[in-house]
Each structure stands twice: as structure tokens, then as C-alpha cells.
Amino acid sequence: NWILDIRLLLVNIVEVFFGFCLPEEDSNKMDEAAQSDESQFVMDEVSAIIKESVETVIGGNGYTSAKVNGWTAQVVESVLGNLSKLNKTFKYIVTCVIMQKNGAGLHTASSCYWDNTTDGSCTVRWENKTMYCIVSVYGLSL
């Protein structure tokens, strides 16, 4: 459905530029009490995991191009490891972009076709004086 694609594109843009997760629209209006926490993508949990992982890996470091490949790999592995500790029946996709603050623009988009009642995504933009780190997590319930 092209409307869903446009909404997901707009959600991703808002998440990247404003640094917070937007709630997924529940098209079926299912009773949330009927859904167990184990089968739900909880954006607050995921956002906290992302922020903690980025702070742990990058912290107060300044941008160093020689370290970016290692940082991105460490952030992705840390996020995946912490998500797996939630013991939820999900498959996760994690992406990480680190960009030096130099005035250059970055545009990104994604589109997903999934079950809005269980699946979800969360994008967090973290920054310090010298760089941006943008991490996206897509969770697909099994």
C-alpha cells in the first residue's frame, strides 16, 4: 500500500532529524492488553538500548576517520547483543551511520511491509561536537 510506504518514509525522516521514535500506527486497533510484551516491539526499550550502546562505544571521543569502521561494527554488535538479552521472539536488523559534522547533508529513507501490531522500527540520532551517529533497529516478530 503506497500510503503505508509514504508514512514509513516520513516516520523515518522525523526519527533521523529529530532523534526520537514515533509510535507505529495500529491499523487493526487491537486491544493492547491482549498483546503480551514478549510479542511487542517496545520502542522505549529499544531506544534506551541504542543510546546506551552508542554512549558506551563512542562516548566523548572526537571524530576520527580511522576509527569509524570499528565504532560502527561495535555499536551494531552491542545493540544486537542487548536486544537478544530481552529474550523476545524477534528477528532484528540494525544499521549504524557515523558522519562527521562538517555541514554535509544526509538523506535516508526506508520502507517496510509488516504487521504493525507486532513489528516496529526505532531510529536514534546521537551527536557530540564532532559527529552524528544514526542507529536504526527494525524488529520483526517471529
N, C-alpha and C. Protein backbone atom coordinates (compact mmCIF):
# COMPACT_ATOMS: atom_id res chain seq x y z
N ASN A 1 0.85 -1.16 0.00
CA ASN A 1 0.00 0.00 0.00
C ASN A 1 0.90 1.23 0.00
N TRP A 2 0.75 2.09 -0.98
CA TRP A 2 1.63 3.24 -1.13
C TRP A 2 1.48 4.25 0.01
N ILE A 3 0.31 4.30 0.63
CA ILE A 3 0.12 5.21 1.77
C ILE A 3 0.99 4.77 2.94
N LEU A 4 1.05 3.46 3.18
CA LEU A 4 1.91 2.93 4.24
C LEU A 4 3.37 3.24 3.94
N ASP A 5 3.78 3.09 2.67
CA ASP A 5 5.16 3.39 2.29
C ASP A 5 5.50 4.85 2.56
N ILE A 6 4.60 5.77 2.22
CA ILE A 6 4.84 7.19 2.44
C ILE A 6 4.92 7.49 3.93
N ARG A 7 4.01 6.89 4.72
CA ARG A 7 4.02 7.12 6.17
C ARG A 7 5.33 6.65 6.77
N LEU A 8 5.80 5.46 6.37
CA LEU A 8 7.04 4.94 6.92
C LEU A 8 8.23 5.81 6.50
N LEU A 9 8.20 6.34 5.29
CA LEU A 9 9.25 7.24 4.85
C LEU A 9 9.27 8.50 5.71
N LEU A 10 8.11 9.09 5.96
CA LEU A 10 8.02 10.28 6.79
C LEU A 10 8.43 10.00 8.22
N VAL A 11 8.03 8.86 8.76
CA VAL A 11 8.41 8.49 10.12
C VAL A 11 9.93 8.38 10.21
N ASN A 12 10.55 7.75 9.22
CA ASN A 12 12.00 7.59 9.24
C ASN A 12 12.69 8.93 9.18
N ILE A 13 12.21 9.85 8.35
CA ILE A 13 12.80 11.17 8.25
C ILE A 13 12.69 11.91 9.57
N VAL A 14 11.52 11.87 10.21
CA VAL A 14 11.33 12.53 11.50
C VAL A 14 12.24 11.92 12.55
N GLU A 15 12.35 10.57 12.56
CA GLU A 15 13.19 9.91 13.54
C GLU A 15 14.65 10.31 13.39
N VAL A 16 15.15 10.39 12.15
CA VAL A 16 16.54 10.72 11.93
C VAL A 16 16.83 12.18 12.30
N PHE A 17 15.99 13.11 11.86
CA PHE A 17 16.29 14.51 12.06
C PHE A 17 15.92 15.03 13.45
N PHE A 18 14.98 14.40 14.11
CA PHE A 18 14.60 14.88 15.43
C PHE A 18 15.06 13.95 16.55
N GLY A 19 15.60 12.78 16.19
CA GLY A 19 16.24 11.91 17.15
C GLY A 19 15.32 11.21 18.13
N PHE A 20 14.11 10.88 17.73
CA PHE A 20 13.24 10.12 18.61
C PHE A 20 12.38 9.19 17.78
N CYS A 21 11.81 8.21 18.46
CA CYS A 21 10.99 7.20 17.79
C CYS A 21 9.53 7.63 17.83
N LEU A 22 8.87 7.42 16.73
CA LEU A 22 7.44 7.69 16.66
C LEU A 22 6.68 6.38 16.80
N PRO A 23 5.53 6.38 17.45
CA PRO A 23 4.77 5.14 17.59
C PRO A 23 4.22 4.68 16.25
N GLU A 24 4.22 3.37 16.07
CA GLU A 24 3.63 2.80 14.86
C GLU A 24 2.12 2.91 14.95
N GLU A 25 1.49 3.11 13.83
CA GLU A 25 0.04 3.20 13.77
C GLU A 25 -0.54 1.79 13.87
N ASP A 26 -1.52 1.58 14.70
CA ASP A 26 -2.16 0.28 14.85
C ASP A 26 -3.42 0.25 14.00
N SER A 27 -3.28 -0.26 12.77
CA SER A 27 -4.40 -0.22 11.83
C SER A 27 -5.54 -1.14 12.25
N ASN A 28 -5.25 -2.16 13.03
CA ASN A 28 -6.30 -3.09 13.45
C ASN A 28 -6.94 -2.69 14.76
N LYS A 29 -6.38 -1.71 15.46
CA LYS A 29 -6.91 -1.23 16.74
C LYS A 29 -7.13 -2.37 17.73
N MET A 30 -6.14 -3.28 17.78
CA MET A 30 -6.25 -4.42 18.70
C MET A 30 -6.11 -3.94 20.13
N ASP A 31 -6.72 -4.62 21.02
CA ASP A 31 -6.62 -4.31 22.43
C ASP A 31 -5.19 -4.58 22.89
N GLU A 32 -4.49 -3.53 23.36
CA GLU A 32 -3.10 -3.68 23.75
C GLU A 32 -2.94 -4.65 24.91
N ALA A 33 -3.93 -4.73 25.76
CA ALA A 33 -3.85 -5.66 26.89
C ALA A 33 -3.80 -7.11 26.42
N ALA A 34 -4.36 -7.39 25.26
CA ALA A 34 -4.36 -8.75 24.74
C ALA A 34 -3.00 -9.14 24.18
N GLN A 35 -2.19 -8.17 23.85
CA GLN A 35 -0.86 -8.44 23.30
C GLN A 35 0.14 -8.53 24.45
N SER A 36 0.90 -9.61 24.49
CA SER A 36 1.91 -9.74 25.54
C SER A 36 3.12 -8.90 25.18
N ASP A 37 3.86 -8.47 26.20
CA ASP A 37 5.05 -7.66 25.98
C ASP A 37 6.09 -8.40 25.15
N GLU A 38 6.10 -9.73 25.27
CA GLU A 38 7.07 -10.52 24.52
C GLU A 38 6.85 -10.45 23.02
N SER A 39 5.63 -10.22 22.59
CA SER A 39 5.36 -10.20 21.15
C SER A 39 5.28 -8.78 20.60
N GLN A 40 5.62 -7.79 21.43
CA GLN A 40 5.54 -6.40 21.02
C GLN A 40 6.94 -5.80 20.85
N PHE A 41 7.08 -4.94 19.87
CA PHE A 41 8.29 -4.14 19.69
C PHE A 41 8.10 -2.89 20.54
N VAL A 42 8.82 -2.82 21.65
CA VAL A 42 8.66 -1.71 22.60
C VAL A 42 9.74 -0.67 22.31
N MET A 43 9.32 0.43 21.70
CA MET A 43 10.28 1.44 21.23
C MET A 43 11.08 2.08 22.36
N ASP A 44 10.48 2.25 23.53
CA ASP A 44 11.23 2.85 24.65
C ASP A 44 12.41 1.97 25.04
N GLU A 45 12.19 0.65 25.09
CA GLU A 45 13.27 -0.29 25.41
C GLU A 45 14.37 -0.21 24.35
N VAL A 46 13.97 -0.25 23.10
CA VAL A 46 14.93 -0.25 22.00
C VAL A 46 15.72 1.06 21.96
N SER A 47 15.03 2.17 22.14
CA SER A 47 15.70 3.47 22.15
C SER A 47 16.73 3.55 23.26
N ALA A 48 16.40 3.06 24.44
CA ALA A 48 17.34 3.07 25.56
C ALA A 48 18.56 2.20 25.26
N ILE A 49 18.34 1.05 24.63
CA ILE A 49 19.45 0.16 24.27
C ILE A 49 20.37 0.84 23.27
N ILE A 50 19.80 1.49 22.29
CA ILE A 50 20.60 2.18 21.28
C ILE A 50 21.45 3.27 21.94
N LYS A 51 20.82 4.11 22.75
CA LYS A 51 21.54 5.22 23.38
C LYS A 51 22.67 4.72 24.28
N GLU A 52 22.39 3.68 25.05
CA GLU A 52 23.41 3.12 25.93
C GLU A 52 24.58 2.56 25.13
N SER A 53 24.28 1.86 24.05
CA SER A 53 25.34 1.27 23.23
C SER A 53 26.22 2.33 22.59
N VAL A 54 25.61 3.37 22.05
CA VAL A 54 26.38 4.44 21.41
C VAL A 54 27.24 5.16 22.44
N GLU A 55 26.68 5.47 23.59
CA GLU A 55 27.46 6.14 24.65
C GLU A 55 28.64 5.27 25.09
N THR A 56 28.41 3.97 25.22
CA THR A 56 29.47 3.07 25.67
C THR A 56 30.59 2.98 24.64
N VAL A 57 30.22 2.86 23.36
CA VAL A 57 31.22 2.68 22.31
C VAL A 57 31.92 3.98 21.94
N ILE A 58 31.16 5.05 21.72
CA ILE A 58 31.75 6.30 21.23
C ILE A 58 32.01 7.28 22.36
N GLY A 59 31.02 7.41 23.26
CA GLY A 59 31.18 8.30 24.41
C GLY A 59 31.64 9.69 24.03
N GLY A 60 32.71 10.16 24.65
CA GLY A 60 33.22 11.51 24.42
C GLY A 60 34.29 11.61 23.36
N ASN A 61 34.49 10.55 22.58
CA ASN A 61 35.52 10.59 21.53
C ASN A 61 35.18 11.61 20.46
N GLY A 62 36.21 12.20 19.88
CA GLY A 62 36.05 13.07 18.73
C GLY A 62 36.09 12.23 17.46
N TYR A 63 35.57 12.79 16.38
CA TYR A 63 35.54 12.06 15.11
C TYR A 63 36.97 11.75 14.66
N THR A 64 37.21 10.48 14.39
CA THR A 64 38.49 10.01 13.85
C THR A 64 38.16 9.01 12.75
N SER A 65 38.45 9.40 11.51
CA SER A 65 38.05 8.56 10.37
C SER A 65 38.60 7.15 10.46
N ALA A 66 39.78 6.98 11.02
CA ALA A 66 40.38 5.65 11.13
C ALA A 66 39.62 4.74 12.10
N LYS A 67 38.83 5.33 12.99
CA LYS A 67 38.11 4.53 13.99
C LYS A 67 36.65 4.28 13.63
N VAL A 68 36.14 4.94 12.60
CA VAL A 68 34.71 4.88 12.29
C VAL A 68 34.24 3.46 11.97
N ASN A 69 35.00 2.72 11.16
CA ASN A 69 34.60 1.34 10.83
C ASN A 69 34.48 0.48 12.09
N GLY A 70 35.42 0.61 13.00
CA GLY A 70 35.36 -0.15 14.24
C GLY A 70 34.19 0.28 15.11
N TRP A 71 33.97 1.59 15.20
CA TRP A 71 32.84 2.09 16.01
C TRP A 71 31.51 1.58 15.48
N THR A 72 31.31 1.66 14.17
CA THR A 72 30.02 1.22 13.63
C THR A 72 29.80 -0.27 13.90
N ALA A 73 30.84 -1.07 13.72
CA ALA A 73 30.72 -2.51 13.98
C ALA A 73 30.43 -2.77 15.46
N GLN A 74 31.10 -2.05 16.34
CA GLN A 74 30.89 -2.24 17.78
C GLN A 74 29.49 -1.80 18.20
N VAL A 75 29.01 -0.69 17.67
CA VAL A 75 27.67 -0.22 18.01
C VAL A 75 26.63 -1.25 17.58
N VAL A 76 26.74 -1.74 16.35
CA VAL A 76 25.78 -2.72 15.84
C VAL A 76 25.80 -3.99 16.68
N GLU A 77 26.99 -4.48 16.99
CA GLU A 77 27.10 -5.70 17.80
C GLU A 77 26.56 -5.48 19.21
N SER A 78 26.84 -4.34 19.79
CA SER A 78 26.36 -4.04 21.14
C SER A 78 24.83 -3.97 21.16
N VAL A 79 24.25 -3.26 20.19
CA VAL A 79 22.79 -3.16 20.12
C VAL A 79 22.18 -4.55 19.95
N LEU A 80 22.69 -5.33 19.01
CA LEU A 80 22.15 -6.68 18.79
C LEU A 80 22.28 -7.55 20.04
N GLY A 81 23.42 -7.47 20.69
CA GLY A 81 23.62 -8.26 21.91
C GLY A 81 22.64 -7.90 23.00
N ASN A 82 22.41 -6.59 23.19
CA ASN A 82 21.47 -6.15 24.22
C ASN A 82 20.02 -6.45 23.84
N LEU A 83 19.69 -6.38 22.56
CA LEU A 83 18.34 -6.76 22.12
C LEU A 83 18.10 -8.24 22.37
N SER A 84 19.10 -9.07 22.12
CA SER A 84 18.93 -10.50 22.33
C SER A 84 18.70 -10.84 23.80
N LYS A 85 19.22 -10.01 24.70
CA LYS A 85 19.02 -10.23 26.13
C LYS A 85 17.58 -9.99 26.58
N LEU A 86 16.79 -9.33 25.72
CA LEU A 86 15.37 -9.12 26.03
C LEU A 86 14.58 -10.42 25.92
N ASN A 87 15.17 -11.43 25.27
CA ASN A 87 14.54 -12.75 25.10
C ASN A 87 13.16 -12.66 24.45
N LYS A 88 13.07 -11.86 23.41
CA LYS A 88 11.82 -11.75 22.65
C LYS A 88 11.97 -12.54 21.36
N THR A 89 10.84 -12.98 20.85
CA THR A 89 10.86 -13.77 19.62
C THR A 89 10.82 -12.83 18.41
N PHE A 90 11.95 -12.18 18.17
CA PHE A 90 12.09 -11.23 17.08
C PHE A 90 13.35 -11.52 16.28
N LYS A 91 13.28 -11.17 15.02
CA LYS A 91 14.47 -11.02 14.20
C LYS A 91 14.74 -9.53 14.15
N TYR A 92 16.01 -9.15 14.28
CA TYR A 92 16.36 -7.74 14.30
C TYR A 92 17.30 -7.40 13.15
N ILE A 93 17.13 -6.21 12.64
CA ILE A 93 18.05 -5.64 11.66
C ILE A 93 18.54 -4.33 12.28
N VAL A 94 19.85 -4.14 12.34
CA VAL A 94 20.42 -2.95 12.95
C VAL A 94 21.37 -2.29 11.95
N THR A 95 21.21 -0.99 11.76
CA THR A 95 22.12 -0.23 10.92
C THR A 95 22.72 0.91 11.73
N CYS A 96 23.92 1.31 11.36
CA CYS A 96 24.59 2.40 12.05
C CYS A 96 25.34 3.25 11.03
N VAL A 97 25.14 4.55 11.09
CA VAL A 97 25.85 5.50 10.24
C VAL A 97 26.54 6.50 11.16
N ILE A 98 27.82 6.69 10.94
CA ILE A 98 28.56 7.72 11.67
C ILE A 98 29.05 8.73 10.64
N MET A 99 28.76 10.00 10.91
CA MET A 99 29.08 11.05 9.96
C MET A 99 29.73 12.23 10.69
N GLN A 100 30.81 12.70 10.12
CA GLN A 100 31.49 13.86 10.69
C GLN A 100 30.63 15.10 10.54
N LYS A 101 30.62 15.94 11.56
CA LYS A 101 29.90 17.21 11.47
C LYS A 101 30.74 18.18 10.66
N ASN A 102 30.33 18.35 9.41
CA ASN A 102 31.07 19.27 8.55
C ASN A 102 30.15 20.05 7.62
N GLY A 103 28.86 20.03 7.93
CA GLY A 103 27.90 20.78 7.13
C GLY A 103 27.30 20.01 5.96
N ALA A 104 27.75 18.80 5.73
CA ALA A 104 27.21 17.99 4.62
C ALA A 104 25.83 17.48 4.99
N GLY A 105 24.99 17.27 4.00
CA GLY A 105 23.65 16.74 4.24
C GLY A 105 23.62 15.23 4.16
N LEU A 106 22.64 14.65 4.80
CA LEU A 106 22.44 13.21 4.73
C LEU A 106 20.94 12.96 4.61
N HIS A 107 20.56 12.26 3.58
CA HIS A 107 19.15 11.92 3.36
C HIS A 107 19.05 10.41 3.31
N THR A 108 18.05 9.88 3.99
CA THR A 108 17.86 8.44 4.02
C THR A 108 16.38 8.13 4.03
N ALA A 109 16.03 6.95 3.54
CA ALA A 109 14.64 6.52 3.54
C ALA A 109 14.59 5.00 3.68
N SER A 110 13.50 4.51 4.22
CA SER A 110 13.27 3.07 4.27
C SER A 110 11.77 2.82 4.18
N SER A 111 11.44 1.64 3.77
CA SER A 111 10.03 1.26 3.68
C SER A 111 9.91 -0.18 4.14
N CYS A 112 8.88 -0.47 4.89
CA CYS A 112 8.69 -1.82 5.41
C CYS A 112 7.26 -2.27 5.20
N TYR A 113 7.10 -3.53 4.88
CA TYR A 113 5.79 -4.14 4.75
C TYR A 113 5.72 -5.20 5.82
N TRP A 114 4.95 -4.92 6.89
CA TRP A 114 4.93 -5.83 8.01
C TRP A 114 3.64 -5.71 8.79
N ASP A 115 3.58 -6.40 9.91
CA ASP A 115 2.41 -6.37 10.78
C ASP A 115 2.62 -5.27 11.82
N ASN A 116 1.86 -4.19 11.71
CA ASN A 116 2.03 -3.05 12.61
C ASN A 116 1.67 -3.36 14.06
N THR A 117 0.96 -4.46 14.30
CA THR A 117 0.59 -4.79 15.67
C THR A 117 1.75 -5.41 16.46
N THR A 118 2.74 -5.96 15.77
CA THR A 118 3.85 -6.61 16.47
C THR A 118 5.21 -6.09 16.05
N ASP A 119 5.39 -5.75 14.79
CA ASP A 119 6.69 -5.33 14.28
C ASP A 119 6.87 -3.83 14.46
N GLY A 120 8.11 -3.38 14.39
CA GLY A 120 8.34 -1.95 14.54
C GLY A 120 9.75 -1.54 14.21
N SER A 121 9.98 -0.24 14.24
CA SER A 121 11.31 0.29 14.00
C SER A 121 11.56 1.45 14.94
N CYS A 122 12.84 1.71 15.16
CA CYS A 122 13.25 2.82 16.02
C CYS A 122 14.56 3.36 15.48
N THR A 123 14.63 4.66 15.31
CA THR A 123 15.86 5.31 14.87
C THR A 123 16.24 6.37 15.89
N VAL A 124 17.50 6.36 16.28
CA VAL A 124 18.01 7.32 17.25
C VAL A 124 19.18 8.07 16.62
N ARG A 125 19.11 9.39 16.71
CA ARG A 125 20.24 10.23 16.27
C ARG A 125 20.96 10.71 17.52
N TRP A 126 22.22 10.32 17.63
CA TRP A 126 23.08 10.73 18.73
C TRP A 126 24.13 11.65 18.16
N GLU A 127 24.53 12.64 18.92
CA GLU A 127 25.57 13.53 18.40
C GLU A 127 26.44 14.07 19.52
N ASN A 128 27.65 14.43 19.14
CA ASN A 128 28.53 15.19 20.03
C ASN A 128 29.06 16.37 19.22
N LYS A 129 30.14 16.99 19.65
CA LYS A 129 30.62 18.20 18.97
C LYS A 129 31.17 17.92 17.57
N THR A 130 31.59 16.69 17.31
CA THR A 130 32.30 16.42 16.05
C THR A 130 31.60 15.43 15.11
N MET A 131 30.56 14.74 15.58
CA MET A 131 29.95 13.71 14.72
C MET A 131 28.50 13.44 15.07
N TYR A 132 27.82 12.81 14.11
CA TYR A 132 26.49 12.26 14.28
C TYR A 132 26.60 10.74 14.22
N CYS A 133 25.79 10.06 14.99
CA CYS A 133 25.67 8.61 14.90
C CYS A 133 24.18 8.31 14.81
N ILE A 134 23.77 7.70 13.71
CA ILE A 134 22.37 7.40 13.49
C ILE A 134 22.21 5.88 13.46
N VAL A 135 21.44 5.36 14.41
CA VAL A 135 21.24 3.93 14.53
C VAL A 135 19.76 3.62 14.32
N SER A 136 19.49 2.66 13.45
CA SER A 136 18.11 2.20 13.21
C SER A 136 18.01 0.73 13.55
N VAL A 137 16.91 0.39 14.21
CA VAL A 137 16.61 -1.01 14.53
C VAL A 137 15.23 -1.33 13.95
N TYR A 138 15.16 -2.44 13.26
CA TYR A 138 13.90 -2.97 12.73
C TYR A 138 13.67 -4.30 13.42
N GLY A 139 12.51 -4.45 14.05
CA GLY A 139 12.18 -5.68 14.76
C GLY A 139 11.01 -6.38 14.10
N LEU A 140 11.22 -7.64 13.74
CA LEU A 140 10.19 -8.44 13.06
C LEU A 140 9.84 -9.64 13.92
N SER A 141 8.61 -9.69 14.36
CA SER A 141 8.16 -10.76 15.24
C SER A 141 8.11 -12.08 14.49
N LEU A 142 8.53 -13.15 15.16
CA LEU A 142 8.50 -14.49 14.56
C LEU A 142 7.17 -15.15 14.77
